[in-house]
Amino acid sequence: MDPSKEAVQAASITRYEDGNAASREDWVTVEEPLEIRVGSDTLAVTMRTPGHDHDLAAGWLVSEGIVSRPEELVRIEHCRETRSPEEEGNVVIVRTTAQTGGALDRARRLLLTSSSCGLCGKSSIDSIRGHFPAIASPASATPETILSLPQTLRRAQTTFGRTGGLHAAGIFTLEGELLAAREDVGRHNAVDKVVGSLFRGGRLRFPLAETILCVSGRASFEIVQKALAAGIPIVAAVSAPSTLAIDLARSSGIALVGFLRETGFNLYSEESRVAASSSVPGSRG
């Protein structure tokens, strides 16, 4: 079982408005480190919002190429033998049957990973780029489906509604049905959590070749690479993509959507995956 820690916390603040100051309480997003171990080996320490830690660990292992089939996960649990109060609820141990030797070496973080960057601390530049096959699925979606995704994802952001301080990631069917959504202080963590939830749950055949990933922020290289690792053919972002994200999408068969608004979006790659895409105006609003 994945024990729950609080994702939000009350903070005493002073609110300045219209020339007046008043004391009040506000809800803020919790940010704490999570250490991910495979057996006795520590592979990563990432700053995350507590909650769905087992999904986060599973999704991270998928994105690093350490596991590729749900049955390779034997057990995920929080460490019960902590050495300090700070470790309580913040260490996850994974048991797997996967042959992990070389993959563990490539995945190992040598430094603390920040909540805004899942690539920090990689042991070499070469290890940043994973080795995943291009998307072979012929999957496509209509512009109308893609335009509907942000509003559906926003409705699933329960913690964001309280704090305004979380990113979200959702995985949808090609018809726009929300399969799973997760929130986190880090964009990459939100993606790992939502991928991990479907990977662990066995609700869909893996890889996720008939799905769309939608993220509430920008599309970085790592977001696209995590989608590639999960076999997701369409990635949609509310904000901008980076040059590396576009390059990876184009070389991997992923349709990359950016600046997704209610009235339009920009399509950077794999136009054939979005039917009648030329009729949808781009938006940089």
C-alpha atoms as a PDB file:
ATOM      1  CA  MET A   1       0.000   0.000   0.000  1.00  0.00           C
ATOM      2  CA  ASP A   2       1.176   3.522  -0.817  1.00  0.00           C
ATOM      3  CA  PRO A   3       0.838   5.483   2.449  1.00  0.00           C
ATOM      4  CA  SER A   4      -0.489   9.001   2.076  1.00  0.00           C
ATOM      5  CA  LYS A   5       1.380  12.052   3.258  1.00  0.00           C
ATOM      6  CA  GLU A   6      -0.123  15.482   3.087  1.00  0.00           C
ATOM      7  CA  ALA A   7       0.292  17.180  -0.287  1.00  0.00           C
ATOM      8  CA  VAL A   8      -0.687  20.596   1.061  1.00  0.00           C
ATOM      9  CA  GLN A   9       0.096  22.447   4.253  1.00  0.00           C
ATOM     10  CA  ALA A  10      -1.293  25.555   5.931  1.00  0.00           C
ATOM     11  CA  ALA A  11       1.063  28.535   6.205  1.00  0.00           C
ATOM     12  CA  SER A  12       0.591  31.755   8.153  1.00  0.00           C
ATOM     13  CA  ILE A  13       0.974  34.713   5.839  1.00  0.00           C
ATOM     14  CA  THR A  14       0.402  38.441   5.680  1.00  0.00           C
ATOM     15  CA  ARG A  15      -1.829  39.455   2.801  1.00  0.00           C
ATOM     16  CA  TYR A  16      -1.329  42.949   1.313  1.00  0.00           C
ATOM     17  CA  GLU A  17      -4.209  44.208  -0.790  1.00  0.00           C
ATOM     18  CA  ASP A  18      -5.596  47.666  -1.604  1.00  0.00           C
ATOM     19  CA  GLY A  19      -3.162  49.281   0.825  1.00  0.00           C
ATOM     20  CA  ASN A  20      -4.190  47.058   3.736  1.00  0.00           C
ATOM     21  CA  ALA A  21      -2.370  44.221   5.506  1.00  0.00           C
ATOM     22  CA  ALA A  22      -4.104  41.288   7.155  1.00  0.00           C
ATOM     23  CA  SER A  23      -2.922  38.055   8.750  1.00  0.00           C
ATOM     24  CA  ARG A  24      -4.391  34.889   7.350  1.00  0.00           C
ATOM     25  CA  GLU A  25      -3.664  31.249   6.543  1.00  0.00           C
ATOM     26  CA  ASP A  26      -2.966  30.018   3.045  1.00  0.00           C
ATOM     27  CA  TRP A  27      -2.575  26.533   1.593  1.00  0.00           C
ATOM     28  CA  VAL A  28       0.811  25.804   0.029  1.00  0.00           C
ATOM     29  CA  THR A  29       2.158  22.788  -1.857  1.00  0.00           C
ATOM     30  CA  VAL A  30       4.394  20.425   0.126  1.00  0.00           C
ATOM     31  CA  GLU A  31       7.795  19.697  -1.413  1.00  0.00           C
ATOM     32  CA  GLU A  32       9.938  16.899   0.042  1.00  0.00           C
ATOM     33  CA  PRO A  33      12.677  14.595  -1.261  1.00  0.00           C
ATOM     34  CA  LEU A  34      11.895  11.068  -2.395  1.00  0.00           C
ATOM     35  CA  GLU A  35      14.700   8.533  -2.571  1.00  0.00           C
ATOM     36  CA  ILE A  36      14.146   5.712  -5.057  1.00  0.00           C
ATOM     37  CA  ARG A  37      16.024   2.469  -4.444  1.00  0.00           C
ATOM     38  CA  VAL A  38      16.149  -0.721  -6.476  1.00  0.00           C
ATOM     39  CA  GLY A  39      17.034  -3.319  -3.900  1.00  0.00           C
ATOM     40  CA  SER A  40      19.784  -1.725  -1.837  1.00  0.00           C
ATOM     41  CA  ASP A  41      20.952   0.638  -4.606  1.00  0.00           C
ATOM     42  CA  THR A  42      19.916   4.284  -4.429  1.00  0.00           C
ATOM     43  CA  LEU A  43      19.253   5.486  -7.979  1.00  0.00           C
ATOM     44  CA  ALA A  44      17.601   8.862  -7.564  1.00  0.00           C
ATOM     45  CA  VAL A  45      16.582  11.516  -5.109  1.00  0.00           C
ATOM     46  CA  THR A  46      13.900  13.759  -6.558  1.00  0.00           C
ATOM     47  CA  MET A  47      12.029  16.656  -4.998  1.00  0.00           C
ATOM     48  CA  ARG A  48       8.341  15.873  -5.260  1.00  0.00           C
ATOM     49  CA  THR A  49       4.909  16.483  -3.799  1.00  0.00           C
ATOM     50  CA  PRO A  50       4.075  13.540  -1.502  1.00  0.00           C
ATOM     51  CA  GLY A  51       1.370  11.212  -2.738  1.00  0.00           C
ATOM     52  CA  HIS A  52       1.300   8.424  -5.330  1.00  0.00           C
ATOM     53  CA  ASP A  53       4.962   7.707  -4.544  1.00  0.00           C
ATOM     54  CA  HIS A  54       4.699   4.123  -5.789  1.00  0.00           C
ATOM     55  CA  ASP A  55       3.349   5.369  -9.124  1.00  0.00           C
ATOM     56  CA  LEU A  56       6.214   7.865  -9.287  1.00  0.00           C
ATOM     57  CA  ALA A  57       8.817   5.156  -8.692  1.00  0.00           C
ATOM     58  CA  ALA A  58       7.249   2.832 -11.274  1.00  0.00           C
ATOM     59  CA  GLY A  59       6.978   5.555 -13.896  1.00  0.00           C
ATOM     60  CA  TRP A  60      10.559   6.637 -13.268  1.00  0.00           C
ATOM     61  CA  LEU A  61      11.772   3.070 -13.801  1.00  0.00           C
ATOM     62  CA  VAL A  62       9.850   2.919 -17.094  1.00  0.00           C
ATOM     63  CA  SER A  63      11.284   6.230 -18.295  1.00  0.00           C
ATOM     64  CA  GLU A  64      14.810   5.068 -17.462  1.00  0.00           C
ATOM     65  CA  GLY A  65      14.363   1.809 -19.381  1.00  0.00           C
ATOM     66  CA  ILE A  66      14.855  -0.299 -16.254  1.00  0.00           C
ATOM     67  CA  VAL A  67      11.478  -2.055 -16.548  1.00  0.00           C
ATOM     68  CA  SER A  68       9.267  -2.491 -19.607  1.00  0.00           C
ATOM     69  CA  ARG A  69       6.582  -4.955 -18.463  1.00  0.00           C
ATOM     70  CA  PRO A  70       4.302  -4.630 -15.409  1.00  0.00           C
ATOM     71  CA  GLU A  71       5.069  -8.181 -14.308  1.00  0.00           C
ATOM     72  CA  GLU A  72       8.709  -7.183 -13.767  1.00  0.00           C
ATOM     73  CA  LEU A  73       7.642  -5.213 -10.693  1.00  0.00           C
ATOM     74  CA  VAL A  74       7.592  -7.637  -7.786  1.00  0.00           C
ATOM     75  CA  ARG A  75       7.005  -5.134  -5.005  1.00  0.00           C
ATOM     76  CA  ILE A  76       7.125  -1.408  -4.290  1.00  0.00           C
ATOM     77  CA  GLU A  77       7.072  -0.274  -0.681  1.00  0.00           C
ATOM     78  CA  HIS A  78       8.135   2.559   1.549  1.00  0.00           C
ATOM     79  CA  CYS A  79      11.214   1.787   3.619  1.00  0.00           C
ATOM     80  CA  ARG A  80      10.297   0.796   7.171  1.00  0.00           C
ATOM     81  CA  GLU A  81      13.816   1.032   8.613  1.00  0.00           C
ATOM     82  CA  THR A  82      14.522   4.730   8.409  1.00  0.00           C
ATOM     83  CA  ARG A  83      17.651   6.295   9.868  1.00  0.00           C
ATOM     84  CA  SER A  84      16.195   9.727  10.565  1.00  0.00           C
ATOM     85  CA  PRO A  85      12.809  11.448  10.869  1.00  0.00           C
ATOM     86  CA  GLU A  86      13.458  13.082   7.489  1.00  0.00           C
ATOM     87  CA  GLU A  87      13.470   9.665   5.779  1.00  0.00           C
ATOM     88  CA  GLU A  88      10.078   8.697   7.201  1.00  0.00           C
ATOM     89  CA  GLY A  89       7.773   8.187   4.219  1.00  0.00           C
ATOM     90  CA  ASN A  90      10.401   9.560   1.831  1.00  0.00           C
ATOM     91  CA  VAL A  91      12.224   6.374   0.755  1.00  0.00           C
ATOM     92  CA  VAL A  92      10.721   3.890  -1.716  1.00  0.00           C
ATOM     93  CA  ILE A  93      12.235   0.450  -2.345  1.00  0.00           C
ATOM     94  CA  VAL A  94      11.507  -1.419  -5.574  1.00  0.00           C
ATOM     95  CA  ARG A  95      11.965  -5.163  -6.076  1.00  0.00           C
ATOM     96  CA  THR A  96      12.120  -6.221  -9.715  1.00  0.00           C
ATOM     97  CA  THR A  97      12.886  -9.293 -11.791  1.00  0.00           C
ATOM     98  CA  ALA A  98      14.251  -7.178 -14.662  1.00  0.00           C
ATOM     99  CA  GLN A  99      17.895  -7.592 -15.657  1.00  0.00           C
ATOM    100  CA  THR A 100      19.017  -4.206 -14.406  1.00  0.00           C
ATOM    101  CA  GLY A 101      22.833  -4.146 -14.544  1.00  0.00           C
ATOM    102  CA  GLY A 102      23.604  -1.768 -17.409  1.00  0.00           C
ATOM    103  CA  ALA A 103      20.316   0.106 -17.067  1.00  0.00           C
ATOM    104  CA  LEU A 104      21.032   0.902 -13.435  1.00  0.00           C
ATOM    105  CA  ASP A 105      24.413   2.362 -14.337  1.00  0.00           C
ATOM    106  CA  ARG A 106      22.856   4.606 -16.981  1.00  0.00           C
ATOM    107  CA  ALA A 107      20.024   5.708 -14.718  1.00  0.00           C
ATOM    108  CA  ARG A 108      21.977   6.455 -11.573  1.00  0.00           C
ATOM    109  CA  ARG A 109      21.844  10.047 -10.376  1.00  0.00           C
ATOM    110  CA  LEU A 110      25.020  11.292  -8.714  1.00  0.00           C
ATOM    111  CA  LEU A 111      23.445  14.492  -7.442  1.00  0.00           C
ATOM    112  CA  LEU A 112      20.104  15.571  -6.033  1.00  0.00           C
ATOM    113  CA  THR A 113      17.482  16.012  -8.750  1.00  0.00           C
ATOM    114  CA  SER A 114      15.490  19.227  -8.377  1.00  0.00           C
ATOM    115  CA  SER A 115      11.714  19.337  -8.732  1.00  0.00           C
ATOM    116  CA  SER A 116      12.026  21.368 -11.940  1.00  0.00           C
ATOM    117  CA  CYS A 117      14.610  19.205 -13.703  1.00  0.00           C
ATOM    118  CA  GLY A 118      14.592  15.442 -13.938  1.00  0.00           C
ATOM    119  CA  LEU A 119      17.889  15.307 -15.842  1.00  0.00           C
ATOM    120  CA  CYS A 120      20.120  17.037 -13.296  1.00  0.00           C
ATOM    121  CA  GLY A 121      22.806  14.804 -11.877  1.00  0.00           C
ATOM    122  CA  LYS A 122      23.101  12.363 -14.757  1.00  0.00           C
ATOM    123  CA  SER A 123      26.535  10.797 -14.709  1.00  0.00           C
ATOM    124  CA  SER A 124      27.277  11.666 -18.343  1.00  0.00           C
ATOM    125  CA  ILE A 125      25.833  13.652 -21.229  1.00  0.00           C
ATOM    126  CA  ASP A 126      25.370  10.449 -23.252  1.00  0.00           C
ATOM    127  CA  SER A 127      23.167   8.960 -20.553  1.00  0.00           C
ATOM    128  CA  ILE A 128      20.590  11.745 -20.952  1.00  0.00           C
ATOM    129  CA  ARG A 129      19.316  10.261 -24.208  1.00  0.00           C
ATOM    130  CA  GLY A 130      17.535   6.981 -23.637  1.00  0.00           C
ATOM    131  CA  HIS A 131      17.506   4.153 -26.137  1.00  0.00           C
ATOM    132  CA  PHE A 132      13.856   3.621 -27.012  1.00  0.00           C
ATOM    133  CA  PRO A 133      12.378   2.563 -30.365  1.00  0.00           C
ATOM    134  CA  ALA A 134      10.425   5.081 -32.428  1.00  0.00           C
ATOM    135  CA  ILE A 135       6.639   4.972 -32.155  1.00  0.00           C
ATOM    136  CA  ALA A 136       5.281   2.464 -34.660  1.00  0.00           C
ATOM    137  CA  SER A 137       1.592   2.878 -33.793  1.00  0.00           C
ATOM    138  CA  PRO A 138      -0.549   4.551 -36.521  1.00  0.00           C
ATOM    139  CA  ALA A 139      -2.585   6.286 -33.794  1.00  0.00           C
ATOM    140  CA  SER A 140      -4.153   9.665 -34.540  1.00  0.00           C
ATOM    141  CA  ALA A 141      -6.624  12.071 -32.941  1.00  0.00           C
ATOM    142  CA  THR A 142      -8.883  14.836 -34.158  1.00  0.00           C
ATOM    143  CA  PRO A 143      -8.147  18.516 -33.464  1.00  0.00           C
ATOM    144  CA  GLU A 144     -11.413  18.699 -31.514  1.00  0.00           C
ATOM    145  CA  THR A 145     -10.224  15.957 -29.166  1.00  0.00           C
ATOM    146  CA  ILE A 146      -6.899  17.677 -28.565  1.00  0.00           C
ATOM    147  CA  LEU A 147      -8.593  21.026 -27.914  1.00  0.00           C
ATOM    148  CA  SER A 148     -10.736  19.414 -25.204  1.00  0.00           C
ATOM    149  CA  LEU A 149      -7.844  18.023 -23.171  1.00  0.00           C
ATOM    150  CA  PRO A 150      -6.762  21.019 -21.024  1.00  0.00           C
ATOM    151  CA  GLN A 151     -10.224  21.656 -19.639  1.00  0.00           C
ATOM    152  CA  THR A 152     -10.688  17.995 -18.743  1.00  0.00           C
ATOM    153  CA  LEU A 153      -7.251  17.887 -17.111  1.00  0.00           C
ATOM    154  CA  ARG A 154      -7.935  21.086 -15.174  1.00  0.00           C
ATOM    155  CA  ARG A 155     -11.078  19.568 -13.660  1.00  0.00           C
ATOM    156  CA  ALA A 156      -8.941  16.688 -12.350  1.00  0.00           C
ATOM    157  CA  GLN A 157      -6.454  19.032 -10.625  1.00  0.00           C
ATOM    158  CA  THR A 158      -7.968  18.939  -7.152  1.00  0.00           C
ATOM    159  CA  THR A 159      -4.838  20.013  -5.263  1.00  0.00           C
ATOM    160  CA  PHE A 160      -4.026  22.804  -7.726  1.00  0.00           C
ATOM    161  CA  GLY A 161      -7.410  24.288  -6.901  1.00  0.00           C
ATOM    162  CA  ARG A 162      -6.288  24.683  -3.282  1.00  0.00           C
ATOM    163  CA  THR A 163      -2.727  25.901  -3.811  1.00  0.00           C
ATOM    164  CA  GLY A 164      -2.266  27.067  -7.405  1.00  0.00           C
ATOM    165  CA  GLY A 165       1.215  25.557  -7.216  1.00  0.00           C
ATOM    166  CA  LEU A 166       1.197  22.197  -8.974  1.00  0.00           C
ATOM    167  CA  HIS A 167       1.769  20.832 -12.456  1.00  0.00           C
ATOM    168  CA  ALA A 168      -0.489  18.138 -13.856  1.00  0.00           C
ATOM    169  CA  ALA A 169      -0.205  15.335 -16.377  1.00  0.00           C
ATOM    170  CA  GLY A 170      -3.042  13.297 -17.810  1.00  0.00           C
ATOM    171  CA  ILE A 171      -3.210  10.283 -20.104  1.00  0.00           C
ATOM    172  CA  PHE A 172      -6.221  10.167 -22.406  1.00  0.00           C
ATOM    173  CA  THR A 173      -7.676   7.805 -24.973  1.00  0.00           C
ATOM    174  CA  LEU A 174      -7.528   8.918 -28.607  1.00  0.00           C
ATOM    175  CA  GLU A 175     -11.167   9.982 -28.186  1.00  0.00           C
ATOM    176  CA  GLY A 176     -10.358  12.262 -25.229  1.00  0.00           C
ATOM    177  CA  GLU A 177     -11.438  10.100 -22.292  1.00  0.00           C
ATOM    178  CA  LEU A 178      -9.263  10.717 -19.232  1.00  0.00           C
ATOM    179  CA  LEU A 179      -7.659   7.461 -18.057  1.00  0.00           C
ATOM    180  CA  ALA A 180      -5.536   8.862 -15.241  1.00  0.00           C
ATOM    181  CA  ALA A 181      -4.263  12.213 -13.952  1.00  0.00           C
ATOM    182  CA  ARG A 182      -1.599  13.104 -11.409  1.00  0.00           C
ATOM    183  CA  GLU A 183      -0.269  16.332  -9.888  1.00  0.00           C
ATOM    184  CA  ASP A 184       3.180  17.250  -8.620  1.00  0.00           C
ATOM    185  CA  VAL A 185       5.423  20.222  -7.977  1.00  0.00           C
ATOM    186  CA  GLY A 186       7.635  18.888 -10.793  1.00  0.00           C
ATOM    187  CA  ARG A 187       6.407  18.430 -14.371  1.00  0.00           C
ATOM    188  CA  HIS A 188       8.514  15.315 -14.880  1.00  0.00           C
ATOM    189  CA  ASN A 189       7.244  13.797 -11.625  1.00  0.00           C
ATOM    190  CA  ALA A 190       3.630  14.314 -12.684  1.00  0.00           C
ATOM    191  CA  VAL A 191       4.359  12.425 -15.908  1.00  0.00           C
ATOM    192  CA  ASP A 192       6.122   9.602 -14.051  1.00  0.00           C
ATOM    193  CA  LYS A 193       3.193   9.331 -11.653  1.00  0.00           C
ATOM    194  CA  VAL A 194       0.547   9.095 -14.361  1.00  0.00           C
ATOM    195  CA  VAL A 195       2.571   6.625 -16.468  1.00  0.00           C
ATOM    196  CA  GLY A 196       3.350   4.585 -13.360  1.00  0.00           C
ATOM    197  CA  SER A 197      -0.305   4.462 -12.330  1.00  0.00           C
ATOM    198  CA  LEU A 198      -1.310   2.800 -15.616  1.00  0.00           C
ATOM    199  CA  PHE A 199       1.804   0.625 -15.698  1.00  0.00           C
ATOM    200  CA  ARG A 200       1.127  -0.736 -12.204  1.00  0.00           C
ATOM    201  CA  GLY A 201      -2.613  -0.974 -12.581  1.00  0.00           C
ATOM    202  CA  GLY A 202      -2.566  -3.166 -15.676  1.00  0.00           C
ATOM    203  CA  ARG A 203      -5.580  -1.262 -17.012  1.00  0.00           C
ATOM    204  CA  LEU A 204      -4.033  -0.942 -20.453  1.00  0.00           C
ATOM    205  CA  ARG A 205      -1.670  -2.981 -22.542  1.00  0.00           C
ATOM    206  CA  PHE A 206       1.824  -1.540 -22.313  1.00  0.00           C
ATOM    207  CA  PRO A 207       3.236   0.314 -24.197  1.00  0.00           C
ATOM    208  CA  LEU A 208       0.496   2.940 -24.287  1.00  0.00           C
ATOM    209  CA  ALA A 209       0.261   3.049 -28.070  1.00  0.00           C
ATOM    210  CA  GLU A 210      -3.357   4.291 -28.234  1.00  0.00           C
ATOM    211  CA  THR A 211      -3.138   7.245 -25.864  1.00  0.00           C
ATOM    212  CA  ILE A 212      -2.360  10.957 -25.586  1.00  0.00           C
ATOM    213  CA  LEU A 213      -0.248  12.606 -22.889  1.00  0.00           C
ATOM    214  CA  CYS A 214      -1.315  16.137 -21.899  1.00  0.00           C
ATOM    215  CA  VAL A 215       0.773  18.303 -19.545  1.00  0.00           C
ATOM    216  CA  SER A 216      -0.219  21.570 -17.920  1.00  0.00           C
ATOM    217  CA  GLY A 217       3.098  23.355 -18.556  1.00  0.00           C
ATOM    218  CA  ARG A 218       5.781  23.354 -21.203  1.00  0.00           C
ATOM    219  CA  ALA A 219       7.078  20.355 -23.139  1.00  0.00           C
ATOM    220  CA  SER A 220      10.734  19.707 -22.352  1.00  0.00           C
ATOM    221  CA  PHE A 221      13.031  17.099 -23.864  1.00  0.00           C
ATOM    222  CA  GLU A 222      12.490  14.860 -20.865  1.00  0.00           C
ATOM    223  CA  ILE A 223       8.696  15.030 -21.060  1.00  0.00           C
ATOM    224  CA  VAL A 224       8.847  13.825 -24.667  1.00  0.00           C
ATOM    225  CA  GLN A 225      11.385  11.135 -23.788  1.00  0.00           C
ATOM    226  CA  LYS A 226       9.152   9.835 -20.988  1.00  0.00           C
ATOM    227  CA  ALA A 227       6.285   9.624 -23.485  1.00  0.00           C
ATOM    228  CA  LEU A 228       8.558   7.757 -25.900  1.00  0.00           C
ATOM    229  CA  ALA A 229       9.574   5.291 -23.182  1.00  0.00           C
ATOM    230  CA  ALA A 230       5.886   4.601 -22.522  1.00  0.00           C
ATOM    231  CA  GLY A 231       5.081   4.303 -26.234  1.00  0.00           C
ATOM    232  CA  ILE A 232       2.733   7.326 -26.262  1.00  0.00           C
ATOM    233  CA  PRO A 233       2.313   8.697 -29.824  1.00  0.00           C
ATOM    234  CA  ILE A 234       0.875  12.174 -29.082  1.00  0.00           C
ATOM    235  CA  VAL A 235       2.108  14.724 -26.533  1.00  0.00           C
ATOM    236  CA  ALA A 236       0.144  17.937 -25.922  1.00  0.00           C
ATOM    237  CA  ALA A 237       1.400  20.826 -23.800  1.00  0.00           C
ATOM    238  CA  VAL A 238      -0.379  23.978 -22.707  1.00  0.00           C
ATOM    239  CA  SER A 239       2.866  25.944 -23.005  1.00  0.00           C
ATOM    240  CA  ALA A 240       5.903  25.956 -25.303  1.00  0.00           C
ATOM    241  CA  PRO A 241       8.151  23.079 -26.355  1.00  0.00           C
ATOM    242  CA  SER A 242      11.944  23.273 -26.401  1.00  0.00           C
ATOM    243  CA  THR A 243      14.121  22.713 -29.459  1.00  0.00           C
ATOM    244  CA  LEU A 244      15.351  19.384 -28.089  1.00  0.00           C
ATOM    245  CA  ALA A 245      11.771  18.283 -27.432  1.00  0.00           C
ATOM    246  CA  ILE A 246      10.854  19.061 -31.038  1.00  0.00           C
ATOM    247  CA  ASP A 247      13.930  17.265 -32.391  1.00  0.00           C
ATOM    248  CA  LEU A 248      13.187  14.168 -30.320  1.00  0.00           C
ATOM    249  CA  ALA A 249       9.518  14.144 -31.311  1.00  0.00           C
ATOM    250  CA  ARG A 250      10.385  14.410 -35.006  1.00  0.00           C
ATOM    251  CA  SER A 251      12.930  11.600 -34.855  1.00  0.00           C
ATOM    252  CA  SER A 252      10.663   9.351 -32.773  1.00  0.00           C
ATOM    253  CA  GLY A 253       7.324   9.544 -34.567  1.00  0.00           C
ATOM    254  CA  ILE A 254       5.596  11.564 -31.829  1.00  0.00           C
ATOM    255  CA  ALA A 255       3.097  14.300 -32.651  1.00  0.00           C
ATOM    256  CA  LEU A 256       4.081  17.232 -30.442  1.00  0.00           C
ATOM    257  CA  VAL A 257       1.452  19.889 -29.707  1.00  0.00           C
ATOM    258  CA  GLY A 258       2.310  23.158 -27.965  1.00  0.00           C
ATOM    259  CA  PHE A 259       0.550  26.385 -26.946  1.00  0.00           C
ATOM    260  CA  LEU A 260      -2.657  24.398 -26.567  1.00  0.00           C
ATOM    261  CA  ARG A 261      -5.564  26.782 -25.954  1.00  0.00           C
ATOM    262  CA  GLU A 262      -9.337  26.580 -26.285  1.00  0.00           C
ATOM    263  CA  THR A 263      -9.226  27.894 -29.855  1.00  0.00           C
ATOM    264  CA  GLY A 264      -6.061  26.398 -31.320  1.00  0.00           C
ATOM    265  CA  PHE A 265      -2.575  24.955 -30.982  1.00  0.00           C
ATOM    266  CA  ASN A 266       0.772  24.612 -32.708  1.00  0.00           C
ATOM    267  CA  LEU A 267       1.753  21.236 -34.172  1.00  0.00           C
ATOM    268  CA  TYR A 268       5.507  20.689 -34.427  1.00  0.00           C
ATOM    269  CA  SER A 269       5.800  17.138 -35.755  1.00  0.00           C
ATOM    270  CA  GLU A 270       3.961  14.134 -37.209  1.00  0.00           C
ATOM    271  CA  GLU A 271       1.105  16.099 -38.778  1.00  0.00           C
ATOM    272  CA  SER A 272      -0.490  12.850 -39.947  1.00  0.00           C
ATOM    273  CA  ARG A 273      -1.379  11.980 -36.357  1.00  0.00           C
ATOM    274  CA  VAL A 274      -3.734  14.974 -36.145  1.00  0.00           C
ATOM    275  CA  ALA A 275      -6.496  14.715 -38.743  1.00  0.00           C
ATOM    276  CA  ALA A 276      -7.259  17.915 -40.657  1.00  0.00           C
ATOM    277  CA  SER A 277      -4.570  19.715 -38.630  1.00  0.00           C
ATOM    278  CA  SER A 278      -4.206  22.418 -41.275  1.00  0.00           C
ATOM    279  CA  SER A 279      -7.670  23.725 -40.381  1.00  0.00           C
ATOM    280  CA  VAL A 280      -6.705  24.412 -36.781  1.00  0.00           C
ATOM    281  CA  PRO A 281      -5.069  27.810 -36.177  1.00  0.00           C
ATOM    282  CA  GLY A 282      -1.861  28.015 -34.231  1.00  0.00           C
ATOM    283  CA  SER A 283      -1.911  30.021 -31.023  1.00  0.00           C
ATOM    284  CA  ARG A 284       0.874  31.664 -29.081  1.00  0.00           C
ATOM    285  CA  GLY A 285      -1.473  33.378 -26.670  1.00  0.00           C
END
